[in-house]
Structures are given as C-alpha cells and as structure tokens.
Amino acid sequence: MITTSIESVPGRKIVEQYGIVQGSTVRAKNVGVDCVAGCQNTFGGELKGYSQLLEESRAEALDRMIQQAEQKGANAVINVRFGTSTITQGASEILAYGTAVLVQ
C-alpha cells in the first residue's frame, strides 16, 4: 500500500477514488511512564516513554487506515494526515486519515 502526504503518487495515474478512509486508536497513559515523565519534567529532556507511546499509536492508526483502504479496493492513500484529541484526562485519540485511491 502506497501512502503519501501529497495529492498524488508521483509517476502514477489515479484511476479511481474511493473516498476518505481513517483509522484511530485511543491510548491512556501508563503509571510507570508517568513517574519517569515526572522526573524528566523536573530535570528537563525528552519524555521518551510518551514519545514511544505516541509513535506506537500513530503506527496503529495508520495500519487501521490502510486496512480500511484495502477493504475498499484501494492500492494507495493520498493526502495522509494525523490528528490528535484528548478524550479524557490521561487518554488521547490519534487519528490517521486520507483519500483512498486506485493508481496504475
């Protein structure tokens, strides 16, 4: 599956459009990660536990979006974007979305 953040796939012609596809996941913080993050927040530096959590969440949302595109018969998703929203204190949604297309 080709995924791209631009409006086309270079060197390929879009022959069919299937519409918007999306994938999302909701993740909550982990007590262990919170403890380490509290220390890092005091002394400065990257909050690696949160960075890893967000990286895994984006990958899962992207995989779910790709699955939805494949179910529609697409072989590419263009204009891929990510969004984030807070669901409740300590839990966030990561959303991946784009346009499913068939390219030659």
PDB file of N, CA and C in Angstrom:
ATOM      1  N   MET A   1       0.861  -1.182   0.000  1.00  0.00           N
ATOM      2  CA  MET A   1       0.000   0.000   0.000  1.00  0.00           C
ATOM      3  C   MET A   1       0.901   1.237   0.000  1.00  0.00           C
ATOM      4  N   ILE A   2       0.634   2.120  -0.945  1.00  0.00           N
ATOM      5  CA  ILE A   2       1.359   3.387  -1.023  1.00  0.00           C
ATOM      6  C   ILE A   2       0.629   4.395  -0.150  1.00  0.00           C
ATOM      7  N   THR A   3       1.357   5.092   0.704  1.00  0.00           N
ATOM      8  CA  THR A   3       0.774   6.197   1.468  1.00  0.00           C
ATOM      9  C   THR A   3       1.635   7.426   1.236  1.00  0.00           C
ATOM     10  N   THR A   4       0.973   8.553   1.059  1.00  0.00           N
ATOM     11  CA  THR A   4       1.704   9.788   0.812  1.00  0.00           C
ATOM     12  C   THR A   4       0.932  10.975   1.382  1.00  0.00           C
ATOM     13  N   SER A   5       1.663  11.995   1.758  1.00  0.00           N
ATOM     14  CA  SER A   5       1.023  13.190   2.303  1.00  0.00           C
ATOM     15  C   SER A   5       0.726  14.224   1.223  1.00  0.00           C
ATOM     16  N   ILE A   6       1.039  13.905  -0.034  1.00  0.00           N
ATOM     17  CA  ILE A   6       0.763  14.831  -1.130  1.00  0.00           C
ATOM     18  C   ILE A   6      -0.494  14.379  -1.884  1.00  0.00           C
ATOM     19  N   GLU A   7      -0.918  15.179  -2.860  1.00  0.00           N
ATOM     20  CA  GLU A   7      -2.195  14.959  -3.544  1.00  0.00           C
ATOM     21  C   GLU A   7      -2.152  13.927  -4.658  1.00  0.00           C
ATOM     22  N   SER A   8      -1.006  13.332  -4.891  1.00  0.00           N
ATOM     23  CA  SER A   8      -0.881  12.351  -5.964  1.00  0.00           C
ATOM     24  C   SER A   8       0.251  11.395  -5.621  1.00  0.00           C
ATOM     25  N   VAL A   9       0.413  10.385  -6.459  1.00  0.00           N
ATOM     26  CA  VAL A   9       1.548   9.474  -6.328  1.00  0.00           C
ATOM     27  C   VAL A   9       2.441   9.742  -7.531  1.00  0.00           C
ATOM     28  N   PRO A  10       3.614  10.302  -7.321  1.00  0.00           N
ATOM     29  CA  PRO A  10       4.489  10.644  -8.447  1.00  0.00           C
ATOM     30  C   PRO A  10       4.726   9.450  -9.372  1.00  0.00           C
ATOM     31  N   GLY A  11       4.539   9.692 -10.671  1.00  0.00           N
ATOM     32  CA  GLY A  11       4.747   8.666 -11.669  1.00  0.00           C
ATOM     33  C   GLY A  11       3.574   7.711 -11.851  1.00  0.00           C
ATOM     34  N   ARG A  12       2.509   7.922 -11.102  1.00  0.00           N
ATOM     35  CA  ARG A  12       1.326   7.066 -11.196  1.00  0.00           C
ATOM     36  C   ARG A  12       0.111   7.921 -11.515  1.00  0.00           C
ATOM     37  N   LYS A  13      -0.861   7.305 -12.200  1.00  0.00           N
ATOM     38  CA  LYS A  13      -2.109   7.988 -12.531  1.00  0.00           C
ATOM     39  C   LYS A  13      -3.214   7.459 -11.630  1.00  0.00           C
ATOM     40  N   ILE A  14      -3.984   8.362 -11.031  1.00  0.00           N
ATOM     41  CA  ILE A  14      -5.137   7.965 -10.215  1.00  0.00           C
ATOM     42  C   ILE A  14      -6.259   7.592 -11.172  1.00  0.00           C
ATOM     43  N   VAL A  15      -6.736   6.350 -11.078  1.00  0.00           N
ATOM     44  CA  VAL A  15      -7.792   5.890 -11.982  1.00  0.00           C
ATOM     45  C   VAL A  15      -9.140   5.756 -11.283  1.00  0.00           C
ATOM     46  N   GLU A  16      -9.119   5.714  -9.950  1.00  0.00           N
ATOM     47  CA  GLU A  16     -10.371   5.638  -9.210  1.00  0.00           C
ATOM     48  C   GLU A  16     -10.161   6.209  -7.806  1.00  0.00           C
ATOM     49  N   GLN A  17     -11.202   6.858  -7.307  1.00  0.00           N
ATOM     50  CA  GLN A  17     -11.169   7.423  -5.953  1.00  0.00           C
ATOM     51  C   GLN A  17     -12.266   6.750  -5.137  1.00  0.00           C
ATOM     52  N   TYR A  18     -11.902   6.313  -3.921  1.00  0.00           N
ATOM     53  CA  TYR A  18     -12.860   5.602  -3.067  1.00  0.00           C
ATOM     54  C   TYR A  18     -13.341   6.431  -1.879  1.00  0.00           C
ATOM     55  N   GLY A  19     -12.803   7.610  -1.705  1.00  0.00           N
ATOM     56  CA  GLY A  19     -13.238   8.476  -0.613  1.00  0.00           C
ATOM     57  C   GLY A  19     -12.305   8.439   0.584  1.00  0.00           C
ATOM     58  N   ILE A  20     -12.759   9.079   1.621  1.00  0.00           N
ATOM     59  CA  ILE A  20     -11.953   9.223   2.842  1.00  0.00           C
ATOM     60  C   ILE A  20     -11.905   7.906   3.599  1.00  0.00           C
ATOM     61  N   VAL A  21     -10.709   7.583   4.084  1.00  0.00           N
ATOM     62  CA  VAL A  21     -10.520   6.438   4.974  1.00  0.00           C
ATOM     63  C   VAL A  21      -9.840   6.950   6.229  1.00  0.00           C
ATOM     64  N   GLN A  22     -10.093   6.256   7.328  1.00  0.00           N
ATOM     65  CA  GLN A  22      -9.499   6.700   8.581  1.00  0.00           C
ATOM     66  C   GLN A  22      -9.223   5.508   9.483  1.00  0.00           C
ATOM     67  N   GLY A  23      -8.312   5.717  10.380  1.00  0.00           N
ATOM     68  CA  GLY A  23      -8.022   4.736  11.417  1.00  0.00           C
ATOM     69  C   GLY A  23      -7.673   5.497  12.676  1.00  0.00           C
ATOM     70  N   SER A  24      -8.089   4.982  13.819  1.00  0.00           N
ATOM     71  CA  SER A  24      -7.790   5.690  15.055  1.00  0.00           C
ATOM     72  C   SER A  24      -7.529   4.707  16.182  1.00  0.00           C
ATOM     73  N   THR A  25      -6.931   5.220  17.227  1.00  0.00           N
ATOM     74  CA  THR A  25      -6.713   4.461  18.447  1.00  0.00           C
ATOM     75  C   THR A  25      -6.778   5.436  19.611  1.00  0.00           C
ATOM     76  N   VAL A  26      -7.262   4.957  20.729  1.00  0.00           N
ATOM     77  CA  VAL A  26      -7.303   5.766  21.948  1.00  0.00           C
ATOM     78  C   VAL A  26      -6.352   5.110  22.937  1.00  0.00           C
ATOM     79  N   ARG A  27      -5.435   5.882  23.453  1.00  0.00           N
ATOM     80  CA  ARG A  27      -4.432   5.355  24.370  1.00  0.00           C
ATOM     81  C   ARG A  27      -4.438   6.144  25.671  1.00  0.00           C
ATOM     82  N   ALA A  28      -4.205   5.430  26.762  1.00  0.00           N
ATOM     83  CA  ALA A  28      -4.114   6.052  28.082  1.00  0.00           C
ATOM     84  C   ALA A  28      -2.667   6.018  28.555  1.00  0.00           C
ATOM     85  N   LYS A  29      -2.344   6.951  29.410  1.00  0.00           N
ATOM     86  CA  LYS A  29      -1.008   6.990  29.985  1.00  0.00           C
ATOM     87  C   LYS A  29      -0.804   5.798  30.915  1.00  0.00           C
ATOM     88  N   ASN A  30       0.439   5.483  31.144  1.00  0.00           N
ATOM     89  CA  ASN A  30       0.847   4.368  31.982  1.00  0.00           C
ATOM     90  C   ASN A  30       1.446   4.920  33.274  1.00  0.00           C
ATOM     91  N   VAL A  31       1.130   4.320  34.415  1.00  0.00           N
ATOM     92  CA  VAL A  31       1.624   4.815  35.709  1.00  0.00           C
ATOM     93  C   VAL A  31       3.145   4.863  35.732  1.00  0.00           C
ATOM     94  N   GLY A  32       3.799   3.828  35.219  1.00  0.00           N
ATOM     95  CA  GLY A  32       5.267   3.800  35.187  1.00  0.00           C
ATOM     96  C   GLY A  32       5.825   4.923  34.339  1.00  0.00           C
ATOM     97  N   VAL A  33       5.213   5.147  33.181  1.00  0.00           N
ATOM     98  CA  VAL A  33       5.645   6.224  32.291  1.00  0.00           C
ATOM     99  C   VAL A  33       5.432   7.567  32.978  1.00  0.00           C
ATOM    100  N   ASP A  34       4.317   7.716  33.699  1.00  0.00           N
ATOM    101  CA  ASP A  34       4.035   8.969  34.405  1.00  0.00           C
ATOM    102  C   ASP A  34       5.107   9.291  35.439  1.00  0.00           C
ATOM    103  N   CYS A  35       5.566   8.287  36.169  1.00  0.00           N
ATOM    104  CA  CYS A  35       6.597   8.509  37.195  1.00  0.00           C
ATOM    105  C   CYS A  35       7.892   8.995  36.559  1.00  0.00           C
ATOM    106  N   VAL A  36       8.332   8.318  35.508  1.00  0.00           N
ATOM    107  CA  VAL A  36       9.560   8.709  34.811  1.00  0.00           C
ATOM    108  C   VAL A  36       9.391  10.088  34.189  1.00  0.00           C
ATOM    109  N   ALA A  37       8.219  10.337  33.599  1.00  0.00           N
ATOM    110  CA  ALA A  37       7.956  11.633  32.970  1.00  0.00           C
ATOM    111  C   ALA A  37       7.991  12.754  33.992  1.00  0.00           C
ATOM    112  N   GLY A  38       7.497  12.489  35.190  1.00  0.00           N
ATOM    113  CA  GLY A  38       7.542  13.496  36.244  1.00  0.00           C
ATOM    114  C   GLY A  38       8.966  13.902  36.571  1.00  0.00           C
ATOM    115  N   CYS A  39       9.850  12.930  36.650  1.00  0.00           N
ATOM    116  CA  CYS A  39      11.270  13.216  36.911  1.00  0.00           C
ATOM    117  C   CYS A  39      11.890  13.971  35.743  1.00  0.00           C
ATOM    118  N   GLN A  40      11.618  13.523  34.522  1.00  0.00           N
ATOM    119  CA  GLN A  40      12.164  14.183  33.339  1.00  0.00           C
ATOM    120  C   GLN A  40      11.658  15.612  33.237  1.00  0.00           C
ATOM    121  N   ASN A  41      10.396  15.819  33.603  1.00  0.00           N
ATOM    122  CA  ASN A  41       9.812  17.151  33.541  1.00  0.00           C
ATOM    123  C   ASN A  41      10.528  18.089  34.508  1.00  0.00           C
ATOM    124  N   THR A  42      10.959  17.559  35.638  1.00  0.00           N
ATOM    125  CA  THR A  42      11.677  18.355  36.631  1.00  0.00           C
ATOM    126  C   THR A  42      13.072  18.717  36.151  1.00  0.00           C
ATOM    127  N   PHE A  43      13.771  17.757  35.557  1.00  0.00           N
ATOM    128  CA  PHE A  43      15.169  17.950  35.172  1.00  0.00           C
ATOM    129  C   PHE A  43      15.351  18.309  33.707  1.00  0.00           C
ATOM    130  N   GLY A  44      14.299  18.201  32.929  1.00  0.00           N
ATOM    131  CA  GLY A  44      14.377  18.521  31.507  1.00  0.00           C
ATOM    132  C   GLY A  44      14.724  17.306  30.670  1.00  0.00           C
ATOM    133  N   GLY A  45      14.514  17.412  29.383  1.00  0.00           N
ATOM    134  CA  GLY A  45      14.838  16.328  28.459  1.00  0.00           C
ATOM    135  C   GLY A  45      13.596  15.743  27.823  1.00  0.00           C
ATOM    136  N   GLU A  46      13.846  14.834  26.891  1.00  0.00           N
ATOM    137  CA  GLU A  46      12.744  14.192  26.167  1.00  0.00           C
ATOM    138  C   GLU A  46      11.997  13.227  27.072  1.00  0.00           C
ATOM    139  N   LEU A  47      10.690  13.212  26.948  1.00  0.00           N
ATOM    140  CA  LEU A  47       9.855  12.261  27.674  1.00  0.00           C
ATOM    141  C   LEU A  47       9.721  11.017  26.791  1.00  0.00           C
ATOM    142  N   LYS A  48      10.739  10.158  26.841  1.00  0.00           N
ATOM    143  CA  LYS A  48      10.851   9.036  25.905  1.00  0.00           C
ATOM    144  C   LYS A  48       9.682   8.060  26.005  1.00  0.00           C
ATOM    145  N   GLY A  49       9.152   7.851  27.199  1.00  0.00           N
ATOM    146  CA  GLY A  49       8.006   6.951  27.340  1.00  0.00           C
ATOM    147  C   GLY A  49       6.802   7.458  26.567  1.00  0.00           C
ATOM    148  N   TYR A  50       6.563   8.768  26.639  1.00  0.00           N
ATOM    149  CA  TYR A  50       5.443   9.350  25.896  1.00  0.00           C
ATOM    150  C   TYR A  50       5.722   9.358  24.397  1.00  0.00           C
ATOM    151  N   SER A  51       6.972   9.636  24.022  1.00  0.00           N
ATOM    152  CA  SER A  51       7.337   9.621  22.600  1.00  0.00           C
ATOM    153  C   SER A  51       7.087   8.243  22.007  1.00  0.00           C
ATOM    154  N   GLN A  52       7.473   7.196  22.728  1.00  0.00           N
ATOM    155  CA  GLN A  52       7.263   5.830  22.258  1.00  0.00           C
ATOM    156  C   GLN A  52       5.770   5.510  22.176  1.00  0.00           C
ATOM    157  N   LEU A  53       5.008   5.930  23.186  1.00  0.00           N
ATOM    158  CA  LEU A  53       3.569   5.697  23.191  1.00  0.00           C
ATOM    159  C   LEU A  53       2.908   6.352  21.973  1.00  0.00           C
ATOM    160  N   LEU A  54       3.289   7.581  21.665  1.00  0.00           N
ATOM    161  CA  LEU A  54       2.713   8.288  20.520  1.00  0.00           C
ATOM    162  C   LEU A  54       3.152   7.662  19.199  1.00  0.00           C
ATOM    163  N   GLU A  55       4.406   7.220  19.124  1.00  0.00           N
ATOM    164  CA  GLU A  55       4.893   6.569  17.902  1.00  0.00           C
ATOM    165  C   GLU A  55       4.111   5.286  17.631  1.00  0.00           C
ATOM    166  N   GLU A  56       3.908   4.487  18.672  1.00  0.00           N
ATOM    167  CA  GLU A  56       3.132   3.249  18.529  1.00  0.00           C
ATOM    168  C   GLU A  56       1.676   3.548  18.157  1.00  0.00           C
ATOM    169  N   SER A  57       1.120   4.589  18.747  1.00  0.00           N
ATOM    170  CA  SER A  57      -0.262   4.968  18.463  1.00  0.00           C
ATOM    171  C   SER A  57      -0.430   5.420  17.021  1.00  0.00           C
ATOM    172  N   ARG A  58       0.512   6.220  16.516  1.00  0.00           N
ATOM    173  CA  ARG A  58       0.443   6.665  15.117  1.00  0.00           C
ATOM    174  C   ARG A  58       0.540   5.472  14.171  1.00  0.00           C
ATOM    175  N   ALA A  59       1.435   4.525  14.482  1.00  0.00           N
ATOM    176  CA  ALA A  59       1.591   3.332  13.634  1.00  0.00           C
ATOM    177  C   ALA A  59       0.299   2.509  13.614  1.00  0.00           C
ATOM    178  N   GLU A  60      -0.336   2.362  14.772  1.00  0.00           N
ATOM    179  CA  GLU A  60      -1.580   1.591  14.839  1.00  0.00           C
ATOM    180  C   GLU A  60      -2.698   2.292  14.070  1.00  0.00           C
ATOM    181  N   ALA A  61      -2.823   3.605  14.224  1.00  0.00           N
ATOM    182  CA  ALA A  61      -3.849   4.357  13.499  1.00  0.00           C
ATOM    183  C   ALA A  61      -3.606   4.265  11.994  1.00  0.00           C
ATOM    184  N   LEU A  62      -2.350   4.366  11.569  1.00  0.00           N
ATOM    185  CA  LEU A  62      -2.007   4.260  10.154  1.00  0.00           C
ATOM    186  C   LEU A  62      -2.350   2.875   9.620  1.00  0.00           C
ATOM    187  N   ASP A  63      -2.029   1.830  10.366  1.00  0.00           N
ATOM    188  CA  ASP A  63      -2.360   0.459   9.957  1.00  0.00           C
ATOM    189  C   ASP A  63      -3.867   0.282   9.789  1.00  0.00           C
ATOM    190  N   ARG A  64      -4.643   0.831  10.703  1.00  0.00           N
ATOM    191  CA  ARG A  64      -6.104   0.712  10.618  1.00  0.00           C
ATOM    192  C   ARG A  64      -6.656   1.465   9.410  1.00  0.00           C
ATOM    193  N   MET A  65      -6.052   2.622   9.102  1.00  0.00           N
ATOM    194  CA  MET A  65      -6.471   3.382   7.928  1.00  0.00           C
ATOM    195  C   MET A  65      -6.176   2.578   6.662  1.00  0.00           C
ATOM    196  N   ILE A  66      -4.999   1.971   6.599  1.00  0.00           N
ATOM    197  CA  ILE A  66      -4.605   1.163   5.442  1.00  0.00           C
ATOM    198  C   ILE A  66      -5.545  -0.027   5.275  1.00  0.00           C
ATOM    199  N   GLN A  67      -5.910  -0.678   6.369  1.00  0.00           N
ATOM    200  CA  GLN A  67      -6.850  -1.805   6.297  1.00  0.00           C
ATOM    201  C   GLN A  67      -8.184  -1.363   5.690  1.00  0.00           C
ATOM    202  N   GLN A  68      -8.656  -0.196   6.106  1.00  0.00           N
ATOM    203  CA  GLN A  68      -9.926   0.302   5.576  1.00  0.00           C
ATOM    204  C   GLN A  68      -9.798   0.595   4.079  1.00  0.00           C
ATOM    205  N   ALA A  69      -8.664   1.145   3.663  1.00  0.00           N
ATOM    206  CA  ALA A  69      -8.439   1.435   2.243  1.00  0.00           C
ATOM    207  C   ALA A  69      -8.391   0.146   1.428  1.00  0.00           C
ATOM    208  N   GLU A  70      -7.725  -0.871   1.955  1.00  0.00           N
ATOM    209  CA  GLU A  70      -7.651  -2.163   1.254  1.00  0.00           C
ATOM    210  C   GLU A  70      -9.030  -2.787   1.102  1.00  0.00           C
ATOM    211  N   GLN A  71      -9.874  -2.652   2.119  1.00  0.00           N
ATOM    212  CA  GLN A  71     -11.233  -3.191   2.049  1.00  0.00           C
ATOM    213  C   GLN A  71     -12.046  -2.526   0.940  1.00  0.00           C
ATOM    214  N   LYS A  72     -11.708  -1.286   0.622  1.00  0.00           N
ATOM    215  CA  LYS A  72     -12.415  -0.564  -0.440  1.00  0.00           C
ATOM    216  C   LYS A  72     -11.824  -0.858  -1.817  1.00  0.00           C
ATOM    217  N   GLY A  73     -10.708  -1.575  -1.870  1.00  0.00           N
ATOM    218  CA  GLY A  73     -10.078  -1.899  -3.146  1.00  0.00           C
ATOM    219  C   GLY A  73      -8.966  -0.957  -3.552  1.00  0.00           C
ATOM    220  N   ALA A  74      -8.550  -0.069  -2.674  1.00  0.00           N
ATOM    221  CA  ALA A  74      -7.503   0.903  -2.989  1.00  0.00           C
ATOM    222  C   ALA A  74      -6.115   0.257  -2.913  1.00  0.00           C
ATOM    223  N   ASN A  75      -5.182   0.848  -3.645  1.00  0.00           N
ATOM    224  CA  ASN A  75      -3.790   0.444  -3.514  1.00  0.00           C
ATOM    225  C   ASN A  75      -2.900   1.609  -3.090  1.00  0.00           C
ATOM    226  N   ALA A  76      -3.549   2.745  -2.772  1.00  0.00           N
ATOM    227  CA  ALA A  76      -2.820   3.913  -2.286  1.00  0.00           C
ATOM    228  C   ALA A  76      -3.751   4.798  -1.459  1.00  0.00           C
ATOM    229  N   VAL A  77      -3.151   5.564  -0.560  1.00  0.00           N
ATOM    230  CA  VAL A  77      -3.877   6.583   0.199  1.00  0.00           C
ATOM    231  C   VAL A  77      -3.081   7.873   0.060  1.00  0.00           C
ATOM    232  N   ILE A  78      -3.747   8.893  -0.451  1.00  0.00           N
ATOM    233  CA  ILE A  78      -3.095  10.188  -0.649  1.00  0.00           C
ATOM    234  C   ILE A  78      -3.597  11.193   0.392  1.00  0.00           C
ATOM    235  N   ASN A  79      -2.885  12.303   0.509  1.00  0.00           N
ATOM    236  CA  ASN A  79      -3.234  13.364   1.470  1.00  0.00           C
ATOM    237  C   ASN A  79      -3.336  12.836   2.901  1.00  0.00           C
ATOM    238  N   VAL A  80      -2.437  11.956   3.287  1.00  0.00           N
ATOM    239  CA  VAL A  80      -2.490  11.369   4.635  1.00  0.00           C
ATOM    240  C   VAL A  80      -2.153  12.443   5.668  1.00  0.00           C
ATOM    241  N   ARG A  81      -2.960  12.488   6.710  1.00  0.00           N
ATOM    242  CA  ARG A  81      -2.786  13.433   7.807  1.00  0.00           C
ATOM    243  C   ARG A  81      -3.003  12.707   9.128  1.00  0.00           C
ATOM    244  N   PHE A  82      -2.478  13.293  10.202  1.00  0.00           N
ATOM    245  CA  PHE A  82      -2.688  12.786  11.553  1.00  0.00           C
ATOM    246  C   PHE A  82      -3.350  13.881  12.379  1.00  0.00           C
ATOM    247  N   GLY A  83      -4.209  13.471  13.289  1.00  0.00           N
ATOM    248  CA  GLY A  83      -4.839  14.391  14.222  1.00  0.00           C
ATOM    249  C   GLY A  83      -4.812  13.781  15.614  1.00  0.00           C
ATOM    250  N   THR A  84      -4.893  14.632  16.598  1.00  0.00           N
ATOM    251  CA  THR A  84      -4.881  14.192  17.990  1.00  0.00           C
ATOM    252  C   THR A  84      -5.959  14.937  18.747  1.00  0.00           C
ATOM    253  N   SER A  85      -6.627  14.237  19.662  1.00  0.00           N
ATOM    254  CA  SER A  85      -7.592  14.903  20.528  1.00  0.00           C
ATOM    255  C   SER A  85      -7.569  14.238  21.896  1.00  0.00           C
ATOM    256  N   THR A  86      -7.898  15.005  22.897  1.00  0.00           N
ATOM    257  CA  THR A  86      -7.976  14.489  24.254  1.00  0.00           C
ATOM    258  C   THR A  86      -9.378  13.942  24.478  1.00  0.00           C
ATOM    259  N   ILE A  87      -9.461  12.694  24.918  1.00  0.00           N
ATOM    260  CA  ILE A  87     -10.743  12.055  25.180  1.00  0.00           C
ATOM    261  C   ILE A  87     -11.162  12.324  26.622  1.00  0.00           C
ATOM    262  N   THR A  88     -10.235  12.112  27.529  1.00  0.00           N
ATOM    263  CA  THR A  88     -10.434  12.366  28.949  1.00  0.00           C
ATOM    264  C   THR A  88      -9.053  12.593  29.552  1.00  0.00           C
ATOM    265  N   GLN A  89      -8.984  13.043  30.775  1.00  0.00           N
ATOM    266  CA  GLN A  89      -7.686  13.281  31.382  1.00  0.00           C
ATOM    267  C   GLN A  89      -6.871  11.988  31.359  1.00  0.00           C
ATOM    268  N   GLY A  90      -5.728  12.041  30.713  1.00  0.00           N
ATOM    269  CA  GLY A  90      -4.855  10.875  30.651  1.00  0.00           C
ATOM    270  C   GLY A  90      -5.072   9.978  29.453  1.00  0.00           C
ATOM    271  N   ALA A  91      -6.032  10.284  28.574  1.00  0.00           N
ATOM    272  CA  ALA A  91      -6.285   9.454  27.393  1.00  0.00           C
ATOM    273  C   ALA A  91      -6.458  10.339  26.160  1.00  0.00           C
ATOM    274  N   SER A  92      -5.811   9.939  25.082  1.00  0.00           N
ATOM    275  CA  SER A  92      -5.869  10.704  23.839  1.00  0.00           C
ATOM    276  C   SER A  92      -6.177   9.799  22.660  1.00  0.00           C
ATOM    277  N   GLU A  93      -6.804  10.384  21.650  1.00  0.00           N
ATOM    278  CA  GLU A  93      -7.056   9.680  20.397  1.00  0.00           C
ATOM    279  C   GLU A  93      -6.036  10.154  19.369  1.00  0.00           C
ATOM    280  N   ILE A  94      -5.492   9.209  18.630  1.00  0.00           N
ATOM    281  CA  ILE A  94      -4.645   9.511  17.487  1.00  0.00           C
ATOM    282  C   ILE A  94      -5.435   9.058  16.264  1.00  0.00           C
ATOM    283  N   LEU A  95      -5.591   9.938  15.290  1.00  0.00           N
ATOM    284  CA  LEU A  95      -6.374   9.675  14.089  1.00  0.00           C
ATOM    285  C   LEU A  95      -5.483   9.824  12.866  1.00  0.00           C
ATOM    286  N   ALA A  96      -5.538   8.849  11.961  1.00  0.00           N
ATOM    287  CA  ALA A  96      -4.882   8.947  10.660  1.00  0.00           C
ATOM    288  C   ALA A  96      -5.982   8.940   9.613  1.00  0.00           C
ATOM    289  N   TYR A  97      -5.902   9.831   8.630  1.00  0.00           N
ATOM    290  CA  TYR A  97      -6.927   9.867   7.600  1.00  0.00           C
ATOM    291  C   TYR A  97      -6.342  10.321   6.277  1.00  0.00           C
ATOM    292  N   GLY A  98      -7.010   9.959   5.206  1.00  0.00           N
ATOM    293  CA  GLY A  98      -6.564  10.330   3.864  1.00  0.00           C
ATOM    294  C   GLY A  98      -7.620   9.916   2.856  1.00  0.00           C
ATOM    295  N   THR A  99      -7.275  10.008   1.578  1.00  0.00           N
ATOM    296  CA  THR A  99      -8.176   9.634   0.498  1.00  0.00           C
ATOM    297  C   THR A  99      -7.682   8.349  -0.138  1.00  0.00           C
ATOM    298  N   ALA A 100      -8.538   7.333  -0.156  1.00  0.00           N
ATOM    299  CA  ALA A 100      -8.203   6.041  -0.752  1.00  0.00           C
ATOM    300  C   ALA A 100      -8.375   6.141  -2.264  1.00  0.00           C
ATOM    301  N   VAL A 101      -7.374   5.689  -3.007  1.00  0.00           N
ATOM    302  CA  VAL A 101      -7.403   5.738  -4.465  1.00  0.00           C
ATOM    303  C   VAL A 101      -6.815   4.465  -5.062  1.00  0.00           C
ATOM    304  N   LEU A 102      -7.111   4.268  -6.334  1.00  0.00           N
ATOM    305  CA  LEU A 102      -6.504   3.208  -7.101  1.00  0.00           C
ATOM    306  C   LEU A 102      -5.587   3.880  -8.109  1.00  0.00           C
ATOM    307  N   VAL A 103      -4.315   3.510  -8.117  1.00  0.00           N
ATOM    308  CA  VAL A 103      -3.367   4.088  -9.061  1.00  0.00           C
ATOM    309  C   VAL A 103      -2.839   3.005  -9.988  1.00  0.00           C
ATOM    310  N   GLN A 104      -2.479   3.431 -11.206  1.00  0.00           N
ATOM    311  CA  GLN A 104      -1.886   2.499 -12.177  1.00  0.00           C
ATOM    312  C   GLN A 104      -0.404   2.352 -11.912  1.00  0.00           C
TER     313      GLN A 104
END
